């Protein structure tokens, strides 16, 4: 399939940890909604739990609740946000938004075939993250396993060997990435995906 012509938006310099809201801005703009990454960065739900290291344990926010830590200042502790808060914000702008999290990649491909881009969580290098790079945090709603290698991109197409993405950290539109590795990484993060009807 020919990749979708979705806008490519860079998260830098303003949002060093803003890949999720930047990828959401690309999704919304590709659906005809006029909203930018900085607006979304302001509006995304936050988990205000401060970072604390105590007795060998990390206490921090939960990305399922809201954005964890600082999005715009790398000198401060920060992480990111998962599909739940992203989907809520997407629905605010686009009532026909759908949360496809937990679906098969075939469902994602169906969306792309229909000309609808898909927001996803994957890894920074689009392949599975080794076990030793994951840590467990304690959060206000229980423990969570996370990795700093987490990243969010917009899927714009696929073929038998590759997926095509708009990566908020790359100037290349519809960048091609090996499909097998990409899917393995996506599944490792719980198959998180948001699109629209």
C-alpha atoms as a PDB file:
ATOM      1  CA  UNK A   1       0.000   0.000   0.000  1.00  0.00           C
ATOM      2  CA  UNK A   2       1.080   3.607  -0.545  1.00  0.00           C
ATOM      3  CA  UNK A   3       1.831   5.168   2.866  1.00  0.00           C
ATOM      4  CA  UNK A   4      -0.691   7.707   4.176  1.00  0.00           C
ATOM      5  CA  UNK A   5       0.296  11.322   3.630  1.00  0.00           C
ATOM      6  CA  UNK A   6       0.174  12.357   7.300  1.00  0.00           C
ATOM      7  CA  UNK A   7       2.054  15.425   8.530  1.00  0.00           C
ATOM      8  CA  UNK A   8       5.515  14.801  10.004  1.00  0.00           C
ATOM      9  CA  UNK A   9       6.026  16.830  13.200  1.00  0.00           C
ATOM     10  CA  UNK A  10       9.276  16.949  15.195  1.00  0.00           C
ATOM     11  CA  UNK A  11       9.097  16.801  19.001  1.00  0.00           C
ATOM     12  CA  UNK A  12      12.379  18.707  19.412  1.00  0.00           C
ATOM     13  CA  UNK A  13      13.428  21.196  20.578  1.00  0.00           C
ATOM     14  CA  UNK A  14      10.398  22.005  22.745  1.00  0.00           C
ATOM     15  CA  UNK A  15       9.412  18.519  23.922  1.00  0.00           C
ATOM     16  CA  UNK A  16      12.411  16.214  24.513  1.00  0.00           C
ATOM     17  CA  UNK A  17      10.024  13.671  26.109  1.00  0.00           C
ATOM     18  CA  UNK A  18       6.969  14.560  24.068  1.00  0.00           C
ATOM     19  CA  UNK A  19       6.928  11.757  21.483  1.00  0.00           C
ATOM     20  CA  UNK A  20       3.435  10.589  22.506  1.00  0.00           C
ATOM     21  CA  UNK A  21       1.694  13.990  22.200  1.00  0.00           C
ATOM     22  CA  UNK A  22       3.680  14.818  19.034  1.00  0.00           C
ATOM     23  CA  UNK A  23       2.586  11.540  17.421  1.00  0.00           C
ATOM     24  CA  UNK A  24      -0.985  12.303  18.564  1.00  0.00           C
ATOM     25  CA  UNK A  25      -0.761  15.738  16.898  1.00  0.00           C
ATOM     26  CA  UNK A  26       0.231  13.975  13.647  1.00  0.00           C
ATOM     27  CA  UNK A  27      -2.726  11.578  13.980  1.00  0.00           C
ATOM     28  CA  UNK A  28      -5.229  14.356  14.680  1.00  0.00           C
ATOM     29  CA  UNK A  29      -3.899  16.601  11.909  1.00  0.00           C
ATOM     30  CA  UNK A  30      -4.062  13.681   9.455  1.00  0.00           C
ATOM     31  CA  UNK A  31      -7.758  13.391  10.428  1.00  0.00           C
ATOM     32  CA  UNK A  32      -8.259  17.092   9.663  1.00  0.00           C
ATOM     33  CA  UNK A  33      -8.147  18.430  13.248  1.00  0.00           C
ATOM     34  CA  UNK A  34      -6.175  21.655  13.691  1.00  0.00           C
ATOM     35  CA  UNK A  35      -4.231  21.195  16.918  1.00  0.00           C
ATOM     36  CA  UNK A  36      -0.503  21.326  17.661  1.00  0.00           C
ATOM     37  CA  UNK A  37       1.857  19.361  19.905  1.00  0.00           C
ATOM     38  CA  UNK A  38       2.259  22.183  22.457  1.00  0.00           C
ATOM     39  CA  UNK A  39      -1.496  22.454  22.933  1.00  0.00           C
ATOM     40  CA  UNK A  40      -1.702  18.686  23.466  1.00  0.00           C
ATOM     41  CA  UNK A  41       1.312  18.787  25.822  1.00  0.00           C
ATOM     42  CA  UNK A  42      -0.611  21.262  27.995  1.00  0.00           C
ATOM     43  CA  UNK A  43      -3.828  19.249  27.910  1.00  0.00           C
ATOM     44  CA  UNK A  44      -2.612  15.666  28.374  1.00  0.00           C
ATOM     45  CA  UNK A  45      -3.513  14.281  31.797  1.00  0.00           C
ATOM     46  CA  UNK A  46      -0.544  14.290  34.199  1.00  0.00           C
ATOM     47  CA  UNK A  47       0.414  11.978  37.048  1.00  0.00           C
ATOM     48  CA  UNK A  48       1.971  14.460  39.529  1.00  0.00           C
ATOM     49  CA  UNK A  49       3.703  11.785  41.667  1.00  0.00           C
ATOM     50  CA  UNK A  50       7.265  13.025  42.310  1.00  0.00           C
ATOM     51  CA  UNK A  51      10.269  10.797  41.560  1.00  0.00           C
ATOM     52  CA  UNK A  52      11.774   9.212  44.642  1.00  0.00           C
ATOM     53  CA  UNK A  53      14.501   6.621  45.047  1.00  0.00           C
ATOM     54  CA  UNK A  54      14.347   4.964  48.470  1.00  0.00           C
ATOM     55  CA  UNK A  55      15.879   1.719  49.817  1.00  0.00           C
ATOM     56  CA  UNK A  56      16.724   0.555  46.294  1.00  0.00           C
ATOM     57  CA  UNK A  57      13.145   1.135  45.072  1.00  0.00           C
ATOM     58  CA  UNK A  58      11.839   3.737  42.651  1.00  0.00           C
ATOM     59  CA  UNK A  59       8.577   5.508  43.445  1.00  0.00           C
ATOM     60  CA  UNK A  60       7.187   7.462  40.493  1.00  0.00           C
ATOM     61  CA  UNK A  61       4.041   8.110  38.469  1.00  0.00           C
ATOM     62  CA  UNK A  62       2.093   5.660  36.340  1.00  0.00           C
ATOM     63  CA  UNK A  63       1.939   6.286  32.561  1.00  0.00           C
ATOM     64  CA  UNK A  64      -1.501   4.640  32.487  1.00  0.00           C
ATOM     65  CA  UNK A  65      -2.771   7.467  34.732  1.00  0.00           C
ATOM     66  CA  UNK A  66      -1.130  10.404  32.971  1.00  0.00           C
ATOM     67  CA  UNK A  67       2.161  11.815  31.741  1.00  0.00           C
ATOM     68  CA  UNK A  68       4.918  10.972  34.238  1.00  0.00           C
ATOM     69  CA  UNK A  69       7.460  13.661  35.163  1.00  0.00           C
ATOM     70  CA  UNK A  70       8.731  16.468  32.959  1.00  0.00           C
ATOM     71  CA  UNK A  71       8.011  16.496  29.221  1.00  0.00           C
ATOM     72  CA  UNK A  72       9.998  19.605  28.328  1.00  0.00           C
ATOM     73  CA  UNK A  73      13.018  19.517  30.670  1.00  0.00           C
ATOM     74  CA  UNK A  74      15.507  16.655  30.352  1.00  0.00           C
ATOM     75  CA  UNK A  75      17.273  17.835  33.540  1.00  0.00           C
ATOM     76  CA  UNK A  76      14.180  16.789  35.543  1.00  0.00           C
ATOM     77  CA  UNK A  77      12.966  13.225  36.039  1.00  0.00           C
ATOM     78  CA  UNK A  78      10.439  12.100  33.447  1.00  0.00           C
ATOM     79  CA  UNK A  79       9.129   9.214  31.418  1.00  0.00           C
ATOM     80  CA  UNK A  80       6.056   9.401  29.194  1.00  0.00           C
ATOM     81  CA  UNK A  81       2.400   8.423  28.886  1.00  0.00           C
ATOM     82  CA  UNK A  82       0.522   5.341  27.643  1.00  0.00           C
ATOM     83  CA  UNK A  83      -2.563   4.811  25.467  1.00  0.00           C
ATOM     84  CA  UNK A  84      -5.291   5.490  28.091  1.00  0.00           C
ATOM     85  CA  UNK A  85      -4.681   9.232  28.594  1.00  0.00           C
ATOM     86  CA  UNK A  86      -3.753   9.619  24.884  1.00  0.00           C
ATOM     87  CA  UNK A  87      -7.062   8.022  23.849  1.00  0.00           C
ATOM     88  CA  UNK A  88      -9.025  10.304  26.231  1.00  0.00           C
ATOM     89  CA  UNK A  89      -7.376  13.373  24.724  1.00  0.00           C
ATOM     90  CA  UNK A  90      -7.848  12.063  21.160  1.00  0.00           C
ATOM     91  CA  UNK A  91     -11.584  11.549  21.848  1.00  0.00           C
ATOM     92  CA  UNK A  92     -11.869  15.143  23.071  1.00  0.00           C
ATOM     93  CA  UNK A  93     -10.836  16.370  19.610  1.00  0.00           C
ATOM     94  CA  UNK A  94     -12.072  13.459  17.518  1.00  0.00           C
ATOM     95  CA  UNK A  95     -15.172  11.735  18.966  1.00  0.00           C
ATOM     96  CA  UNK A  96     -14.702   8.829  16.522  1.00  0.00           C
ATOM     97  CA  UNK A  97     -11.292   7.948  18.018  1.00  0.00           C
ATOM     98  CA  UNK A  98     -10.831   4.234  18.793  1.00  0.00           C
ATOM     99  CA  UNK A  99      -8.489   2.516  21.230  1.00  0.00           C
ATOM    100  CA  UNK A 100      -7.174  -0.598  19.482  1.00  0.00           C
ATOM    101  CA  UNK A 101      -4.829  -1.534  22.342  1.00  0.00           C
ATOM    102  CA  UNK A 102      -4.523  -5.288  22.767  1.00  0.00           C
ATOM    103  CA  UNK A 103      -5.650  -5.949  19.174  1.00  0.00           C
ATOM    104  CA  UNK A 104      -3.711  -8.001  16.663  1.00  0.00           C
ATOM    105  CA  UNK A 105      -1.440  -6.204  14.212  1.00  0.00           C
ATOM    106  CA  UNK A 106      -3.905  -7.285  11.502  1.00  0.00           C
ATOM    107  CA  UNK A 107      -6.438  -4.855  13.048  1.00  0.00           C
ATOM    108  CA  UNK A 108      -3.847  -2.087  12.800  1.00  0.00           C
ATOM    109  CA  UNK A 109      -3.211  -2.997   9.152  1.00  0.00           C
ATOM    110  CA  UNK A 110      -6.979  -2.791   8.470  1.00  0.00           C
ATOM    111  CA  UNK A 111      -6.953   0.813   9.718  1.00  0.00           C
ATOM    112  CA  UNK A 112      -3.971   1.671   7.527  1.00  0.00           C
ATOM    113  CA  UNK A 113      -5.614   0.043   4.501  1.00  0.00           C
ATOM    114  CA  UNK A 114      -8.628   2.323   5.106  1.00  0.00           C
ATOM    115  CA  UNK A 115      -6.292   5.341   4.979  1.00  0.00           C
ATOM    116  CA  UNK A 116      -6.295   6.004   8.728  1.00  0.00           C
ATOM    117  CA  UNK A 117      -2.953   6.469  10.459  1.00  0.00           C
ATOM    118  CA  UNK A 118      -2.371   4.731  13.817  1.00  0.00           C
ATOM    119  CA  UNK A 119      -0.647   6.104  16.950  1.00  0.00           C
ATOM    120  CA  UNK A 120       1.479   3.436  18.648  1.00  0.00           C
ATOM    121  CA  UNK A 121       3.986   2.830  21.439  1.00  0.00           C
ATOM    122  CA  UNK A 122       7.139   0.966  20.436  1.00  0.00           C
ATOM    123  CA  UNK A 123      10.855   1.105  21.289  1.00  0.00           C
ATOM    124  CA  UNK A 124      13.309   3.827  20.315  1.00  0.00           C
ATOM    125  CA  UNK A 125      15.126   1.518  17.844  1.00  0.00           C
ATOM    126  CA  UNK A 126      11.967  -0.382  16.703  1.00  0.00           C
ATOM    127  CA  UNK A 127      13.069  -3.749  18.020  1.00  0.00           C
ATOM    128  CA  UNK A 128      12.534  -5.707  21.220  1.00  0.00           C
ATOM    129  CA  UNK A 129      14.105  -4.171  24.334  1.00  0.00           C
ATOM    130  CA  UNK A 130      16.437  -6.563  26.218  1.00  0.00           C
ATOM    131  CA  UNK A 131      15.207  -7.679  29.666  1.00  0.00           C
ATOM    132  CA  UNK A 132      18.097  -5.942  31.477  1.00  0.00           C
ATOM    133  CA  UNK A 133      16.853  -2.530  30.288  1.00  0.00           C
ATOM    134  CA  UNK A 134      13.486  -2.837  32.082  1.00  0.00           C
ATOM    135  CA  UNK A 135      12.915  -1.671  35.661  1.00  0.00           C
ATOM    136  CA  UNK A 136      10.007  -1.999  38.072  1.00  0.00           C
ATOM    137  CA  UNK A 137       8.613   1.145  39.731  1.00  0.00           C
ATOM    138  CA  UNK A 138       6.178   1.493  42.560  1.00  0.00           C
ATOM    139  CA  UNK A 139       3.353   3.854  41.622  1.00  0.00           C
ATOM    140  CA  UNK A 140       0.244   5.085  43.476  1.00  0.00           C
ATOM    141  CA  UNK A 141      -1.792   2.352  41.734  1.00  0.00           C
ATOM    142  CA  UNK A 142       0.688  -0.522  42.041  1.00  0.00           C
ATOM    143  CA  UNK A 143       3.904  -1.724  40.442  1.00  0.00           C
ATOM    144  CA  UNK A 144       4.724  -1.231  36.774  1.00  0.00           C
ATOM    145  CA  UNK A 145       7.567  -2.453  34.536  1.00  0.00           C
ATOM    146  CA  UNK A 146       8.980   0.269  32.311  1.00  0.00           C
ATOM    147  CA  UNK A 147      11.981   0.985  30.114  1.00  0.00           C
ATOM    148  CA  UNK A 148      13.563   4.279  29.100  1.00  0.00           C
ATOM    149  CA  UNK A 149      13.692   2.839  25.562  1.00  0.00           C
ATOM    150  CA  UNK A 150       9.946   3.535  25.144  1.00  0.00           C
ATOM    151  CA  UNK A 151       8.968   5.655  22.113  1.00  0.00           C
ATOM    152  CA  UNK A 152       5.820   6.671  20.245  1.00  0.00           C
ATOM    153  CA  UNK A 153       5.404   7.042  16.469  1.00  0.00           C
ATOM    154  CA  UNK A 154       2.642   7.322  13.885  1.00  0.00           C
ATOM    155  CA  UNK A 155       2.166   4.304  11.617  1.00  0.00           C
ATOM    156  CA  UNK A 156       1.402   5.399   8.059  1.00  0.00           C
ATOM    157  CA  UNK A 157       1.644   2.176   6.047  1.00  0.00           C
ATOM    158  CA  UNK A 158       2.900  -1.379   5.666  1.00  0.00           C
ATOM    159  CA  UNK A 159       3.828  -4.032   3.133  1.00  0.00           C
ATOM    160  CA  UNK A 160       4.957  -7.630   3.513  1.00  0.00           C
ATOM    161  CA  UNK A 161       8.408  -6.709   4.910  1.00  0.00           C
ATOM    162  CA  UNK A 162       8.187  -3.177   6.260  1.00  0.00           C
ATOM    163  CA  UNK A 163       6.071  -0.742   8.204  1.00  0.00           C
ATOM    164  CA  UNK A 164       6.188   2.957   7.393  1.00  0.00           C
ATOM    165  CA  UNK A 165       6.261   5.513  10.180  1.00  0.00           C
ATOM    166  CA  UNK A 166       6.391   9.198  10.918  1.00  0.00           C
ATOM    167  CA  UNK A 167       8.859   9.335  13.796  1.00  0.00           C
ATOM    168  CA  UNK A 168       8.843  12.577  15.846  1.00  0.00           C
ATOM    169  CA  UNK A 169      12.638  12.190  16.234  1.00  0.00           C
ATOM    170  CA  UNK A 170      13.377  11.741  12.509  1.00  0.00           C
ATOM    171  CA  UNK A 171      13.159  14.195   9.594  1.00  0.00           C
ATOM    172  CA  UNK A 172      12.303  11.309   7.220  1.00  0.00           C
ATOM    173  CA  UNK A 173       8.621  11.068   6.295  1.00  0.00           C
ATOM    174  CA  UNK A 174       7.188   7.531   5.977  1.00  0.00           C
ATOM    175  CA  UNK A 175      10.467   6.060   7.219  1.00  0.00           C
ATOM    176  CA  UNK A 176      10.616   2.315   6.574  1.00  0.00           C
ATOM    177  CA  UNK A 177      11.363  -0.079   9.402  1.00  0.00           C
ATOM    178  CA  UNK A 178      11.551  -3.898   9.428  1.00  0.00           C
ATOM    179  CA  UNK A 179       8.043  -5.121  10.182  1.00  0.00           C
ATOM    180  CA  UNK A 180       8.945  -8.278  12.133  1.00  0.00           C
ATOM    181  CA  UNK A 181      11.124  -6.351  14.633  1.00  0.00           C
ATOM    182  CA  UNK A 182       8.669  -3.471  14.877  1.00  0.00           C
ATOM    183  CA  UNK A 183       5.739  -5.762  15.731  1.00  0.00           C
ATOM    184  CA  UNK A 184       7.826  -7.607  18.367  1.00  0.00           C
ATOM    185  CA  UNK A 185       8.642  -4.285  20.075  1.00  0.00           C
ATOM    186  CA  UNK A 186       5.036  -3.055  19.808  1.00  0.00           C
ATOM    187  CA  UNK A 187       3.752  -6.255  21.419  1.00  0.00           C
ATOM    188  CA  UNK A 188       6.349  -5.963  24.192  1.00  0.00           C
ATOM    189  CA  UNK A 189       4.699  -2.660  25.183  1.00  0.00           C
ATOM    190  CA  UNK A 190       1.241  -4.219  25.310  1.00  0.00           C
ATOM    191  CA  UNK A 191       0.173  -3.620  21.670  1.00  0.00           C
ATOM    192  CA  UNK A 192      -0.873  -0.021  22.358  1.00  0.00           C
ATOM    193  CA  UNK A 193      -2.634   1.640  19.418  1.00  0.00           C
ATOM    194  CA  UNK A 194      -5.054   4.547  18.901  1.00  0.00           C
ATOM    195  CA  UNK A 195      -6.764   5.497  15.635  1.00  0.00           C
ATOM    196  CA  UNK A 196     -10.244   6.590  14.517  1.00  0.00           C
ATOM    197  CA  UNK A 197     -13.345   5.369  12.694  1.00  0.00           C
END
